[in-house]
Structure formats: structure tokens, C-alpha cells
C-alpha atoms as a PDB file:
ATOM      1  CA  MET A   1     125.679  80.587 139.733  1.00  0.00           C
ATOM      2  CA  LYS A   2     122.642  80.504 137.453  1.00  0.00           C
ATOM      3  CA  LYS A   3     122.953  80.496 133.676  1.00  0.00           C
ATOM      4  CA  VAL A   4     121.342  83.801 132.680  1.00  0.00           C
ATOM      5  CA  GLY A   5     120.863  85.070 129.139  1.00  0.00           C
ATOM      6  CA  LEU A   6     120.996  88.673 127.942  1.00  0.00           C
ATOM      7  CA  VAL A   7     118.763  89.425 124.960  1.00  0.00           C
ATOM      8  CA  THR A   8     119.172  92.816 123.328  1.00  0.00           C
ATOM      9  CA  ASP A   9     119.612  94.458 119.937  1.00  0.00           C
ATOM     10  CA  ASP A  10     121.044  97.788 118.831  1.00  0.00           C
ATOM     11  CA  VAL A  11     117.926  98.506 116.767  1.00  0.00           C
ATOM     12  CA  CYS A  12     116.249  99.302 120.092  1.00  0.00           C
ATOM     13  CA  LEU A  13     118.558 102.320 120.369  1.00  0.00           C
ATOM     14  CA  LEU A  14     117.217 103.792 117.121  1.00  0.00           C
ATOM     15  CA  HIS A  15     113.746 104.390 118.553  1.00  0.00           C
ATOM     16  CA  THR A  16     114.417 107.682 120.329  1.00  0.00           C
ATOM     17  CA  HIS A  17     113.256 111.277 120.565  1.00  0.00           C
ATOM     18  CA  PRO A  18     115.340 114.089 122.098  1.00  0.00           C
ATOM     19  CA  GLY A  19     113.802 115.554 125.238  1.00  0.00           C
ATOM     20  CA  HIS A  20     111.465 112.641 125.852  1.00  0.00           C
ATOM     21  CA  PRO A  21     112.030 110.769 129.138  1.00  0.00           C
ATOM     22  CA  GLU A  22     111.910 107.390 127.349  1.00  0.00           C
ATOM     23  CA  HIS A  23     114.958 107.749 125.106  1.00  0.00           C
ATOM     24  CA  ALA A  24     117.825 105.599 123.854  1.00  0.00           C
ATOM     25  CA  GLY A  25     120.116 106.744 126.656  1.00  0.00           C
ATOM     26  CA  ARG A  26     118.155 104.567 129.070  1.00  0.00           C
ATOM     27  CA  LEU A  27     119.051 101.325 127.333  1.00  0.00           C
ATOM     28  CA  GLN A  28     122.565 102.554 126.624  1.00  0.00           C
ATOM     29  CA  ALA A  29     123.073 103.215 130.347  1.00  0.00           C
ATOM     30  CA  VAL A  30     122.065  99.624 131.114  1.00  0.00           C
ATOM     31  CA  LEU A  31     124.294  98.176 128.394  1.00  0.00           C
ATOM     32  CA  ASN A  32     127.238 100.325 129.510  1.00  0.00           C
ATOM     33  CA  MET A  33     126.757  99.133 133.075  1.00  0.00           C
ATOM     34  CA  ILE A  34     126.734  95.498 131.973  1.00  0.00           C
ATOM     35  CA  SER A  35     129.946  95.998 130.028  1.00  0.00           C
ATOM     36  CA  GLU A  36     131.809  98.086 132.592  1.00  0.00           C
ATOM     37  CA  SER A  37     130.782  96.031 135.649  1.00  0.00           C
ATOM     38  CA  GLY A  38     132.037  92.740 134.251  1.00  0.00           C
ATOM     39  CA  LEU A  39     128.536  91.256 134.200  1.00  0.00           C
ATOM     40  CA  GLU A  40     128.850  90.834 130.450  1.00  0.00           C
ATOM     41  CA  GLU A  41     131.241  87.946 131.056  1.00  0.00           C
ATOM     42  CA  GLU A  42     128.725  86.207 133.319  1.00  0.00           C
ATOM     43  CA  LEU A  43     125.729  86.558 130.978  1.00  0.00           C
ATOM     44  CA  VAL A  44     125.017  84.538 127.843  1.00  0.00           C
ATOM     45  CA  SER A  45     124.455  86.943 124.948  1.00  0.00           C
ATOM     46  CA  LEU A  46     121.536  86.071 122.700  1.00  0.00           C
ATOM     47  CA  GLU A  47     120.467  87.648 119.432  1.00  0.00           C
ATOM     48  CA  ALA A  48     116.941  89.035 119.384  1.00  0.00           C
ATOM     49  CA  ARG A  49     114.597  88.481 116.448  1.00  0.00           C
ATOM     50  CA  GLU A  50     111.578  90.235 115.031  1.00  0.00           C
ATOM     51  CA  ALA A  51     108.199  88.919 116.112  1.00  0.00           C
ATOM     52  CA  THR A  52     105.875  87.568 113.431  1.00  0.00           C
ATOM     53  CA  ARG A  53     102.360  88.858 112.785  1.00  0.00           C
ATOM     54  CA  GLU A  54     100.931  85.658 114.271  1.00  0.00           C
ATOM     55  CA  GLU A  55     102.948  86.140 117.460  1.00  0.00           C
ATOM     56  CA  LEU A  56     101.919  89.779 117.781  1.00  0.00           C
ATOM     57  CA  GLU A  57      98.270  88.937 117.200  1.00  0.00           C
ATOM     58  CA  ARG A  58      98.219  86.597 120.193  1.00  0.00           C
ATOM     59  CA  ASN A  59      98.078  89.789 122.275  1.00  0.00           C
ATOM     60  CA  HIS A  60      97.128  92.610 119.898  1.00  0.00           C
ATOM     61  CA  HIS A  61      94.303  93.352 117.465  1.00  0.00           C
ATOM     62  CA  PRO A  62      95.323  92.517 113.875  1.00  0.00           C
ATOM     63  CA  LYS A  63      94.342  95.992 112.680  1.00  0.00           C
ATOM     64  CA  TYR A  64      96.510  97.626 115.339  1.00  0.00           C
ATOM     65  CA  VAL A  65      99.442  95.380 114.429  1.00  0.00           C
ATOM     66  CA  GLU A  66      99.010  96.301 110.768  1.00  0.00           C
ATOM     67  CA  ASN A  67      98.832 100.012 111.593  1.00  0.00           C
ATOM     68  CA  ILE A  68     102.180  99.873 113.422  1.00  0.00           C
ATOM     69  CA  VAL A  69     104.019  97.479 111.121  1.00  0.00           C
ATOM     70  CA  SER A  70     103.005  99.359 107.978  1.00  0.00           C
ATOM     71  CA  LEU A  71     104.042 102.798 109.252  1.00  0.00           C
ATOM     72  CA  LYS A  72     106.229 104.641 106.749  1.00  0.00           C
ATOM     73  CA  LEU A  73     107.411 107.775 108.482  1.00  0.00           C
ATOM     74  CA  THR A  74     109.909 110.461 107.618  1.00  0.00           C
ATOM     75  CA  THR A  75     109.586 112.245 110.942  1.00  0.00           C
ATOM     76  CA  THR A  76     108.510 111.598 114.531  1.00  0.00           C
ATOM     77  CA  ARG A  77     104.855 111.731 115.551  1.00  0.00           C
ATOM     78  CA  LEU A  78     102.747 110.863 118.575  1.00  0.00           C
ATOM     79  CA  VAL A  79     100.441 107.836 118.628  1.00  0.00           C
ATOM     80  CA  ASP A  80      99.063 108.785 122.026  1.00  0.00           C
ATOM     81  CA  ALA A  81      99.667 111.669 124.419  1.00  0.00           C
ATOM     82  CA  ASP A  82     102.917 110.159 125.741  1.00  0.00           C
ATOM     83  CA  THR A  83     104.070 107.706 123.077  1.00  0.00           C
ATOM     84  CA  TYR A  84     106.061 108.639 119.986  1.00  0.00           C
ATOM     85  CA  VAL A  85     106.981 106.728 116.865  1.00  0.00           C
ATOM     86  CA  THR A  86     109.907 107.468 114.567  1.00  0.00           C
ATOM     87  CA  PRO A  87     110.887 105.953 111.210  1.00  0.00           C
ATOM     88  CA  ASP A  88     112.800 103.268 113.167  1.00  0.00           C
ATOM     89  CA  SER A  89     110.093 102.521 115.726  1.00  0.00           C
ATOM     90  CA  PRO A  90     108.184  99.743 113.915  1.00  0.00           C
ATOM     91  CA  ARG A  91     111.288  97.558 113.606  1.00  0.00           C
ATOM     92  CA  ALA A  92     112.432  98.385 117.152  1.00  0.00           C
ATOM     93  CA  ALA A  93     109.003  97.408 118.482  1.00  0.00           C
ATOM     94  CA  LEU A  94     109.029  94.148 116.511  1.00  0.00           C
ATOM     95  CA  VAL A  95     112.469  93.279 117.885  1.00  0.00           C
ATOM     96  CA  ALA A  96     111.563  94.282 121.462  1.00  0.00           C
ATOM     97  CA  TYR A  97     108.570  91.940 121.343  1.00  0.00           C
ATOM     98  CA  GLY A  98     110.525  89.187 119.596  1.00  0.00           C
ATOM     99  CA  ALA A  99     113.383  89.380 122.095  1.00  0.00           C
ATOM    100  CA  GLY A 100     111.059  88.228 124.848  1.00  0.00           C
ATOM    101  CA  LEU A 101     109.920  85.281 122.740  1.00  0.00           C
ATOM    102  CA  THR A 102     113.549  84.271 122.179  1.00  0.00           C
ATOM    103  CA  ALA A 103     114.234  84.458 125.912  1.00  0.00           C
ATOM    104  CA  VAL A 104     111.203  82.326 126.752  1.00  0.00           C
ATOM    105  CA  GLU A 105     112.196  79.713 124.177  1.00  0.00           C
ATOM    106  CA  ARG A 106     115.743  79.401 125.543  1.00  0.00           C
ATOM    107  CA  VAL A 107     114.619  79.215 129.170  1.00  0.00           C
ATOM    108  CA  LEU A 108     111.889  76.658 128.519  1.00  0.00           C
ATOM    109  CA  SER A 109     114.262  74.535 126.439  1.00  0.00           C
ATOM    110  CA  GLY A 110     116.602  74.307 129.433  1.00  0.00           C
ATOM    111  CA  GLU A 111     119.453  76.054 127.631  1.00  0.00           C
ATOM    112  CA  LEU A 112     119.196  78.863 130.194  1.00  0.00           C
ATOM    113  CA  GLU A 113     117.744  79.085 133.668  1.00  0.00           C
ATOM    114  CA  ARG A 114     116.907  82.788 133.437  1.00  0.00           C
ATOM    115  CA  ALA A 115     117.106  85.687 131.012  1.00  0.00           C
ATOM    116  CA  PHE A 116     117.065  89.476 131.023  1.00  0.00           C
ATOM    117  CA  VAL A 117     115.468  91.189 128.034  1.00  0.00           C
ATOM    118  CA  ALA A 118     117.179  94.569 127.657  1.00  0.00           C
ATOM    119  CA  VAL A 119     115.035  96.258 125.031  1.00  0.00           C
ATOM    120  CA  ARG A 120     112.886  99.265 124.338  1.00  0.00           C
ATOM    121  CA  PRO A 121     110.298 100.563 123.679  1.00  0.00           C
ATOM    122  CA  PRO A 122     108.978  99.137 126.943  1.00  0.00           C
ATOM    123  CA  GLY A 123     105.696  97.268 126.905  1.00  0.00           C
ATOM    124  CA  HIS A 124     103.509  96.919 129.975  1.00  0.00           C
ATOM    125  CA  HIS A 125     101.123  99.816 129.250  1.00  0.00           C
ATOM    126  CA  ALA A 126     100.338  98.750 125.661  1.00  0.00           C
ATOM    127  CA  GLU A 127      96.788  97.423 125.392  1.00  0.00           C
ATOM    128  CA  TYR A 128      95.077  95.134 122.889  1.00  0.00           C
ATOM    129  CA  GLY A 129      94.446  97.823 120.333  1.00  0.00           C
ATOM    130  CA  LYS A 130      96.501 100.850 121.310  1.00  0.00           C
ATOM    131  CA  ALA A 131      99.876 102.236 122.282  1.00  0.00           C
ATOM    132  CA  MET A 132     100.091 103.907 125.675  1.00  0.00           C
ATOM    133  CA  GLY A 133     102.571 105.230 128.211  1.00  0.00           C
ATOM    134  CA  PHE A 134     105.730 105.025 126.043  1.00  0.00           C
ATOM    135  CA  CYS A 135     104.775 101.438 125.022  1.00  0.00           C
ATOM    136  CA  ILE A 136     103.898 100.186 121.515  1.00  0.00           C
ATOM    137  CA  PHE A 137     103.578  96.392 121.863  1.00  0.00           C
ATOM    138  CA  ASN A 138     103.222  94.570 125.188  1.00  0.00           C
ATOM    139  CA  ASN A 139     106.459  92.573 125.287  1.00  0.00           C
ATOM    140  CA  ILE A 140     105.825  90.692 128.519  1.00  0.00           C
ATOM    141  CA  ALA A 141     102.230  89.777 127.678  1.00  0.00           C
ATOM    142  CA  GLY A 142     103.445  88.444 124.342  1.00  0.00           C
ATOM    143  CA  ALA A 143     106.002  86.303 126.159  1.00  0.00           C
ATOM    144  CA  ALA A 144     103.327  84.839 128.445  1.00  0.00           C
ATOM    145  CA  HIS A 145     101.169  83.928 125.457  1.00  0.00           C
ATOM    146  CA  HIS A 146     104.209  82.405 123.744  1.00  0.00           C
ATOM    147  CA  ALA A 147     105.080  80.266 126.763  1.00  0.00           C
ATOM    148  CA  LYS A 148     101.592  78.810 126.726  1.00  0.00           C
ATOM    149  CA  ALA A 149     101.243  78.488 122.954  1.00  0.00           C
ATOM    150  CA  VAL A 150     104.561  76.863 122.087  1.00  0.00           C
ATOM    151  CA  GLY A 151     106.243  76.044 125.392  1.00  0.00           C
ATOM    152  CA  GLY A 152     103.627  73.786 126.888  1.00  0.00           C
ATOM    153  CA  VAL A 153     103.389  75.923 130.024  1.00  0.00           C
ATOM    154  CA  GLU A 154     100.032  75.868 131.790  1.00  0.00           C
ATOM    155  CA  ARG A 155     100.642  78.469 134.522  1.00  0.00           C
ATOM    156  CA  VAL A 156     102.611  81.690 134.087  1.00  0.00           C
ATOM    157  CA  ALA A 157     103.121  84.231 136.872  1.00  0.00           C
ATOM    158  CA  ILE A 158     103.864  87.855 136.000  1.00  0.00           C
ATOM    159  CA  ILE A 159     105.168  90.250 138.643  1.00  0.00           C
ATOM    160  CA  ASP A 160     105.480  93.949 137.804  1.00  0.00           C
ATOM    161  CA  PHE A 161     107.496  96.198 140.118  1.00  0.00           C
ATOM    162  CA  ASP A 162     107.509  99.247 137.859  1.00  0.00           C
ATOM    163  CA  VAL A 163     106.226 102.323 139.696  1.00  0.00           C
ATOM    164  CA  HIS A 164     103.389 102.635 137.172  1.00  0.00           C
ATOM    165  CA  HIS A 165     100.662 100.008 137.087  1.00  0.00           C
ATOM    166  CA  GLY A 166     100.948  97.566 134.174  1.00  0.00           C
ATOM    167  CA  ASN A 167      97.448  98.151 132.864  1.00  0.00           C
ATOM    168  CA  GLY A 168      98.054  96.538 129.486  1.00  0.00           C
ATOM    169  CA  THR A 169      99.316  93.332 131.060  1.00  0.00           C
ATOM    170  CA  GLN A 170      96.509  93.259 133.600  1.00  0.00           C
ATOM    171  CA  TRP A 171      93.777  93.590 130.988  1.00  0.00           C
ATOM    172  CA  ALA A 172      95.410  91.001 128.717  1.00  0.00           C
ATOM    173  CA  PHE A 173      94.897  88.302 131.355  1.00  0.00           C
ATOM    174  CA  TYR A 174      92.113  89.709 133.532  1.00  0.00           C
ATOM    175  CA  GLN A 175      89.782  86.785 132.778  1.00  0.00           C
ATOM    176  CA  ASP A 176      92.512  84.152 132.421  1.00  0.00           C
ATOM    177  CA  PRO A 177      93.149  81.754 135.326  1.00  0.00           C
ATOM    178  CA  THR A 178      96.345  80.429 133.685  1.00  0.00           C
ATOM    179  CA  VAL A 179      98.242  83.731 134.104  1.00  0.00           C
ATOM    180  CA  HIS A 180      98.627  85.274 137.560  1.00  0.00           C
ATOM    181  CA  PHE A 181      99.402  88.998 137.453  1.00  0.00           C
ATOM    182  CA  THR A 182     100.854  90.885 140.437  1.00  0.00           C
ATOM    183  CA  SER A 183     101.759  94.574 140.516  1.00  0.00           C
ATOM    184  CA  TRP A 184     103.044  96.976 143.131  1.00  0.00           C
ATOM    185  CA  HIS A 185     102.846 100.597 142.005  1.00  0.00           C
ATOM    186  CA  GLN A 186     102.267 104.140 143.150  1.00  0.00           C
ATOM    187  CA  TYR A 187      98.523 104.776 143.477  1.00  0.00           C
ATOM    188  CA  PRO A 188      96.623 106.882 142.658  1.00  0.00           C
ATOM    189  CA  PHE A 189      98.953 107.655 139.770  1.00  0.00           C
ATOM    190  CA  TYR A 190      99.334 107.091 136.051  1.00  0.00           C
ATOM    191  CA  PRO A 191      97.621 105.236 134.380  1.00  0.00           C
ATOM    192  CA  GLY A 192      94.865 105.296 137.017  1.00  0.00           C
ATOM    193  CA  THR A 193      94.325 101.541 137.214  1.00  0.00           C
ATOM    194  CA  GLY A 194      95.591  99.072 139.791  1.00  0.00           C
ATOM    195  CA  ALA A 195      93.219  99.482 142.725  1.00  0.00           C
ATOM    196  CA  ALA A 196      93.332  96.676 145.264  1.00  0.00           C
ATOM    197  CA  ASN A 197      89.799  95.619 144.345  1.00  0.00           C
ATOM    198  CA  GLN A 198      90.813  94.860 140.754  1.00  0.00           C
ATOM    199  CA  ARG A 199      91.264  91.114 141.270  1.00  0.00           C
ATOM    200  CA  GLY A 200      90.274  89.625 137.916  1.00  0.00           C
ATOM    201  CA  LYS A 201      86.956  88.748 136.352  1.00  0.00           C
ATOM    202  CA  GLY A 202      85.041  85.575 135.538  1.00  0.00           C
ATOM    203  CA  ASP A 203      87.358  82.574 135.451  1.00  0.00           C
ATOM    204  CA  GLY A 204      90.231  84.956 136.176  1.00  0.00           C
ATOM    205  CA  GLU A 205      88.836  86.283 139.436  1.00  0.00           C
ATOM    206  CA  GLY A 206      91.495  86.045 142.126  1.00  0.00           C
ATOM    207  CA  PHE A 207      94.350  85.784 139.648  1.00  0.00           C
ATOM    208  CA  THR A 208      95.159  89.513 139.716  1.00  0.00           C
ATOM    209  CA  LEU A 209      96.903  90.909 142.792  1.00  0.00           C
ATOM    210  CA  ASN A 210      97.366  94.673 142.997  1.00  0.00           C
ATOM    211  CA  ILE A 211      99.390  96.232 145.819  1.00  0.00           C
ATOM    212  CA  PRO A 212      98.879 100.009 145.585  1.00  0.00           C
ATOM    213  CA  LEU A 213     101.557 102.087 147.312  1.00  0.00           C
ATOM    214  CA  GLU A 214     101.147 105.616 148.595  1.00  0.00           C
ATOM    215  CA  ALA A 215     103.624 108.300 147.528  1.00  0.00           C
ATOM    216  CA  THR A 216     106.824 108.269 149.648  1.00  0.00           C
ATOM    217  CA  THR A 217     106.478 104.558 150.493  1.00  0.00           C
ATOM    218  CA  THR A 218     109.911 103.156 151.354  1.00  0.00           C
ATOM    219  CA  GLY A 219     111.380  99.962 150.013  1.00  0.00           C
ATOM    220  CA  GLU A 220     111.114  98.286 153.404  1.00  0.00           C
ATOM    221  CA  GLU A 221     107.397  99.020 153.562  1.00  0.00           C
ATOM    222  CA  ALA A 222     106.799  98.031 149.928  1.00  0.00           C
ATOM    223  CA  LEU A 223     108.508  94.678 150.462  1.00  0.00           C
ATOM    224  CA  ARG A 224     106.663  94.140 153.738  1.00  0.00           C
ATOM    225  CA  ARG A 225     103.377  94.499 151.885  1.00  0.00           C
ATOM    226  CA  LEU A 226     104.405  92.427 148.869  1.00  0.00           C
ATOM    227  CA  GLU A 227     106.102  89.413 150.390  1.00  0.00           C
ATOM    228  CA  PRO A 228     103.319  87.689 152.355  1.00  0.00           C
ATOM    229  CA  ALA A 229     100.594  88.390 149.793  1.00  0.00           C
ATOM    230  CA  TRP A 230     102.612  87.288 146.776  1.00  0.00           C
ATOM    231  CA  SER A 231     104.149  84.269 148.484  1.00  0.00           C
ATOM    232  CA  LYS A 232     100.685  83.075 149.508  1.00  0.00           C
ATOM    233  CA  ALA A 233      99.382  83.600 145.984  1.00  0.00           C
ATOM    234  CA  MET A 234     102.274  81.659 144.460  1.00  0.00           C
ATOM    235  CA  GLU A 235     101.833  78.842 146.985  1.00  0.00           C
ATOM    236  CA  ALA A 236      98.314  78.379 145.632  1.00  0.00           C
ATOM    237  CA  PHE A 237      99.106  79.072 141.950  1.00  0.00           C
ATOM    238  CA  LYS A 238     102.364  77.088 141.600  1.00  0.00           C
ATOM    239  CA  PRO A 239     103.780  78.839 138.525  1.00  0.00           C
ATOM    240  CA  GLU A 240     105.783  76.973 135.911  1.00  0.00           C
ATOM    241  CA  LEU A 241     107.464  80.189 134.698  1.00  0.00           C
ATOM    242  CA  ILE A 242     107.839  83.663 136.209  1.00  0.00           C
ATOM    243  CA  LEU A 243     108.042  86.796 134.080  1.00  0.00           C
ATOM    244  CA  ILE A 244     109.138  90.143 135.553  1.00  0.00           C
ATOM    245  CA  SER A 245     108.263  93.646 134.403  1.00  0.00           C
ATOM    246  CA  ALA A 246     111.424  95.185 135.833  1.00  0.00           C
ATOM    247  CA  GLY A 247     110.842  98.901 136.068  1.00  0.00           C
ATOM    248  CA  PHE A 248     113.342 100.866 138.136  1.00  0.00           C
ATOM    249  CA  ASP A 249     111.333 104.088 138.362  1.00  0.00           C
ATOM    250  CA  ALA A 250     110.208 103.446 141.945  1.00  0.00           C
ATOM    251  CA  HIS A 251     113.728 104.582 142.901  1.00  0.00           C
ATOM    252  CA  LYS A 252     113.856 107.651 145.132  1.00  0.00           C
ATOM    253  CA  ASP A 253     115.940 109.517 142.529  1.00  0.00           C
ATOM    254  CA  ASP A 254     113.546 108.927 139.646  1.00  0.00           C
ATOM    255  CA  PRO A 255     111.988 112.134 138.290  1.00  0.00           C
ATOM    256  CA  LEU A 256     108.649 110.620 137.209  1.00  0.00           C
ATOM    257  CA  ALA A 257     107.333 109.234 140.499  1.00  0.00           C
ATOM    258  CA  ALA A 258     107.422 109.555 144.284  1.00  0.00           C
ATOM    259  CA  ILE A 259     108.143 106.103 145.724  1.00  0.00           C
ATOM    260  CA  GLU A 260     111.295 105.973 147.843  1.00  0.00           C
ATOM    261  CA  LEU A 261     113.074 102.734 146.943  1.00  0.00           C
ATOM    262  CA  GLU A 262     116.858 102.628 147.160  1.00  0.00           C
ATOM    263  CA  ASP A 263     119.307 100.589 145.099  1.00  0.00           C
ATOM    264  CA  ARG A 264     119.380  97.635 147.479  1.00  0.00           C
ATOM    265  CA  ASP A 265     115.579  97.307 147.427  1.00  0.00           C
ATOM    266  CA  PHE A 266     115.701  96.124 143.823  1.00  0.00           C
ATOM    267  CA  TYR A 267     118.088  93.387 144.916  1.00  0.00           C
ATOM    268  CA  GLN A 268     115.734  92.391 147.715  1.00  0.00           C
ATOM    269  CA  VAL A 269     112.608  92.213 145.567  1.00  0.00           C
ATOM    270  CA  THR A 270     114.496  90.222 142.944  1.00  0.00           C
ATOM    271  CA  LYS A 271     115.734  87.784 145.598  1.00  0.00           C
ATOM    272  CA  LEU A 272     112.150  87.280 146.738  1.00  0.00           C
ATOM    273  CA  ILE A 273     111.210  86.441 143.157  1.00  0.00           C
ATOM    274  CA  THR A 274     114.153  84.083 142.633  1.00  0.00           C
ATOM    275  CA  GLU A 275     113.340  82.216 145.842  1.00  0.00           C
ATOM    276  CA  ILE A 276     109.768  81.653 144.658  1.00  0.00           C
ATOM    277  CA  ALA A 277     111.062  80.611 141.214  1.00  0.00           C
ATOM    278  CA  ASP A 278     113.525  78.149 142.736  1.00  0.00           C
ATOM    279  CA  ARG A 279     110.748  76.679 144.832  1.00  0.00           C
ATOM    280  CA  PHE A 280     108.037  76.280 142.218  1.00  0.00           C
ATOM    281  CA  CYS A 281     109.444  76.400 138.675  1.00  0.00           C
ATOM    282  CA  SER A 282     113.046  75.194 138.684  1.00  0.00           C
ATOM    283  CA  GLY A 283     114.275  78.789 138.902  1.00  0.00           C
ATOM    284  CA  ARG A 284     112.849  79.750 135.490  1.00  0.00           C
ATOM    285  CA  ILE A 285     112.558  83.529 135.122  1.00  0.00           C
ATOM    286  CA  VAL A 286     112.481  85.958 132.204  1.00  0.00           C
ATOM    287  CA  SER A 287     112.829  89.626 133.182  1.00  0.00           C
ATOM    288  CA  PHE A 288     111.969  92.582 130.939  1.00  0.00           C
ATOM    289  CA  LEU A 289     113.328  96.114 131.199  1.00  0.00           C
ATOM    290  CA  GLU A 290     110.444  98.554 131.672  1.00  0.00           C
ATOM    291  CA  GLY A 291     110.772 102.026 133.251  1.00  0.00           C
ATOM    292  CA  GLY A 292     113.550 103.933 134.995  1.00  0.00           C
ATOM    293  CA  TYR A 293     114.348 107.524 134.038  1.00  0.00           C
ATOM    294  CA  ASP A 294     117.262 108.612 136.222  1.00  0.00           C
ATOM    295  CA  LEU A 295     120.121 107.056 134.279  1.00  0.00           C
ATOM    296  CA  ALA A 296     122.516 106.597 137.202  1.00  0.00           C
ATOM    297  CA  ALA A 297     119.855 105.081 139.468  1.00  0.00           C
ATOM    298  CA  LEU A 298     118.624 102.906 136.605  1.00  0.00           C
ATOM    299  CA  ALA A 299     122.092 101.488 135.952  1.00  0.00           C
ATOM    300  CA  ARG A 300     122.879 100.840 139.626  1.00  0.00           C
ATOM    301  CA  SER A 301     119.506  99.254 140.361  1.00  0.00           C
ATOM    302  CA  CYS A 302     119.575  97.131 137.233  1.00  0.00           C
ATOM    303  CA  ARG A 303     123.029  95.857 138.186  1.00  0.00           C
ATOM    304  CA  LEU A 304     121.700  94.615 141.527  1.00  0.00           C
ATOM    305  CA  HIS A 305     118.703  93.061 139.769  1.00  0.00           C
ATOM    306  CA  LEU A 306     121.046  91.124 137.466  1.00  0.00           C
ATOM    307  CA  GLU A 307     123.306  90.081 140.338  1.00  0.00           C
ATOM    308  CA  ALA A 308     120.292  88.629 142.127  1.00  0.00           C
ATOM    309  CA  LEU A 309     119.162  86.797 138.982  1.00  0.00           C
ATOM    310  CA  LEU A 310     122.614  85.233 138.657  1.00  0.00           C
ATOM    311  CA  GLN A 311     122.615  83.783 142.174  1.00  0.00           C
END
């Protein structure tokens, strides 16, 4: 059994807004599942920390970081059409970003083989200078930068199986040949990016792999399209660390999309990832909670994801 860390913090439950699909109940459902299933005893609990300005500015514009960090709110307001901030959101966002840095540090040090970062707000839509799609800071992009800046890692692979394309992560590394970004996602769909011909630019050309899926695609079909393309890409890239944007909103029960994955499909895609990690990077994986808006399906699918990470 692999040594897998769990990085979370209750401050991530304070960022919430009644009636919004991205609310504290999502993370609570995952944490309840971990406790009630017995997985808590198999995971190594780690305390998250706040990210520093320097760490945030590896992936975000200093002015944007300042605008978020300095927010002094007494009520909830929108920072884009879909993304809210509350009085507790700046600290929650700092901790969500910092939790990924903690996980990367512990995995690269050899203390852990893998880690799951159970935080919110999620991150993969957040771009260099703006919040977007429920996301304030891009947690997984920050982790990739951190692995390279302080961990001595030269090649990081990111795989995003959220139903929505991880535009913020793609653009962060679109011209960077040291980070390989792969996404499967419903297309055309929010946020409108992720066409198959978006393959990177300049030195980064060929280091972005988008696998657009039509509405109603089944898990079997999605995996059939992902496995050969991603395995071939990883054979050439040879990652030293794999990061996962683990969104569970491609589930057939999810209210925000129309892909037809079932619980077991999240186990299968995770097993594909772990096999590649075992082959190329000593099993080193850090996974980040992204989407998933049907609480029961989220909890069940996340449990299978964790079980696969532990194997």
C-alpha cells in the first residue's frame, strides 16, 4: 500500500455561499466520506499552510494577488459572473493554494509517495490575472511552479479529468516545454477552450494534449480515447511528478454537465495515472479536488479515486 497524505483545512469550509453550486457542503461530503469509510486511518493527515506572496506570484499577477489578499469584506460579492468572495475567502484561497505546496514538498522529500489535496475554492479555471469559474487562485498550477522552483523537478505532468476544461492551467504552461498538460472535458462547453488543435505554442508546442468529449460520452469511451494518447505522450515526456486536477463532475449524476461517467470510471482513470506514475516517476502523484456537484456521486467517486491512489 502506498503512503498517501491528506492535506486539508477547515478554513476551506468558511468560503461558502448558500444556493451556489460550489459550496462548503462539497468538501464536507468528501471529508465525511473519508472519516466514515475508514480511509482516514490509511491516509497521513497533513496541516495546510497559507501561501506566501512570492509563491502566489509565480503563477499570478502581483496586482491581482494584492487585490484578493487585501479584500476586506462584510458581505459576499461576485468577482466574475460565477465566482463569489466572502469575508473568509481570501484566507481560504491562500490556504487552498498553500496546501498544494505542502503536498508537493512532502512527496518530493520522499516522506510520502502521493497526496490528495482536499481544499476549496477549486483552482483550475483561475488565470494569471483573474478569478473564473468558481476559482480564485490556480492551486495546481502553483504546485507545478513550486515543484520546479524548490523541488528540483525538471518535468511535471498535469492531467485534468474535470468535466470542464482547465483553461487557467493550460494558459499558465502553454509555452512551457517543462510542464505537460492533458485534459479530457466536455466540448463545446464552459469555458469554451480545450479544442484538440490547442497543442501549445512556441517552445511549448506539443506539450498540451486536449481530448474533447461530446455530451453523453461514456466512461468506457472516454478512457478508450485517453489511454493511448496520454500513455504515448508520457512515454516521450517522462515526467518526474504527476499532478491531477481531480474533478468528479463528469459523473452521470452531476447537474452541471452531460458526460456519463459512473463511479468505477474514476477508479479506472486513476489506475491509469498511477501506472504511469509508477513507471516514470517512482509513483509520485499529488491530486487536487476540483469539481463535482452531486454530493453523493462526489463522495463515492472520490472514495474510489483515493482507493486507487493507495494501491
